[in-house]
Amino acid sequence: RPAFHTLVDVRRLAAGGHLATPRDAPPGKARAAAWFRDIGDDVDTAMLRRLRDALEHL
């Protein structure tokens, strides 16, 4: 089945009370994957990281 229809089914189950939704802790700040953090510190990578950080703060 396509993923969209699966998500719709999960939403319907949760709305009907048939599926527990965890709400214990708020989500923390997302971290980049280790392979992405270890790419390097060249000029292009540094610029892309600054751009990513700026977009996250919007």
Protein backbone atom coordinates (compact mmCIF):
# COMPACT_ATOMS: atom_id res chain seq x y z
CA ARG A 1 0.00 0.00 0.00
CA PRO A 2 1.18 3.51 -0.62
CA ALA A 3 2.53 5.30 2.43
CA PHE A 4 -0.13 8.02 2.28
CA HIS A 5 -2.97 5.55 2.74
CA THR A 6 -1.13 3.89 5.61
CA LEU A 7 -0.73 7.26 7.35
CA VAL A 8 -4.43 7.98 6.86
CA ASP A 9 -5.29 4.61 8.41
CA VAL A 10 -2.99 5.27 11.38
CA ARG A 11 -4.59 8.68 11.90
CA ARG A 12 -8.07 7.14 11.86
CA LEU A 13 -7.04 4.47 14.36
CA ALA A 14 -5.53 7.10 16.67
CA ALA A 15 -8.61 9.31 16.38
CA GLY A 16 -10.83 6.35 17.26
CA GLY A 17 -8.78 5.56 20.35
CA HIS A 18 -7.54 2.24 18.97
CA LEU A 19 -3.93 3.36 18.86
CA ALA A 20 -2.02 4.92 21.73
CA THR A 21 -0.07 8.05 20.90
CA PRO A 22 2.88 8.74 23.23
CA ARG A 23 2.93 12.25 24.65
CA ASP A 24 5.37 11.81 27.55
CA ALA A 25 8.23 14.03 26.49
CA PRO A 26 8.38 16.80 23.92
CA PRO A 27 10.71 16.08 21.01
CA GLY A 28 14.26 17.31 21.47
CA LYS A 29 16.35 19.25 19.03
CA ALA A 30 17.03 17.17 15.95
CA ARG A 31 20.64 16.27 15.36
CA ALA A 32 22.29 15.60 12.05
CA ALA A 33 23.45 12.10 11.28
CA ALA A 34 27.04 11.25 12.20
CA TRP A 35 28.08 10.85 8.55
CA PHE A 36 26.82 14.36 7.83
CA ARG A 37 28.68 15.92 10.76
CA ASP A 38 31.91 14.24 9.63
CA ILE A 39 31.79 15.46 6.02
CA GLY A 40 34.49 18.03 6.57
CA ASP A 41 35.05 21.70 7.17
CA ASP A 42 35.82 22.94 3.68
CA VAL A 43 34.40 26.26 2.51
CA ASP A 44 31.42 24.79 0.63
CA THR A 45 30.37 22.61 3.55
CA ALA A 46 30.72 25.47 6.01
CA MET A 47 28.54 27.69 3.81
CA LEU A 48 25.87 24.99 3.53
CA ARG A 49 25.89 24.47 7.29
CA ARG A 50 25.46 28.21 7.89
CA LEU A 51 22.59 28.26 5.38
CA ARG A 52 20.96 25.27 7.08
CA ASP A 53 21.30 26.87 10.52
CA ALA A 54 19.83 30.15 9.24
CA LEU A 55 16.85 28.37 7.69
CA GLU A 56 16.23 26.42 10.90
CA HIS A 57 16.02 29.69 12.85
CA LEU A 58 13.29 31.11 10.60
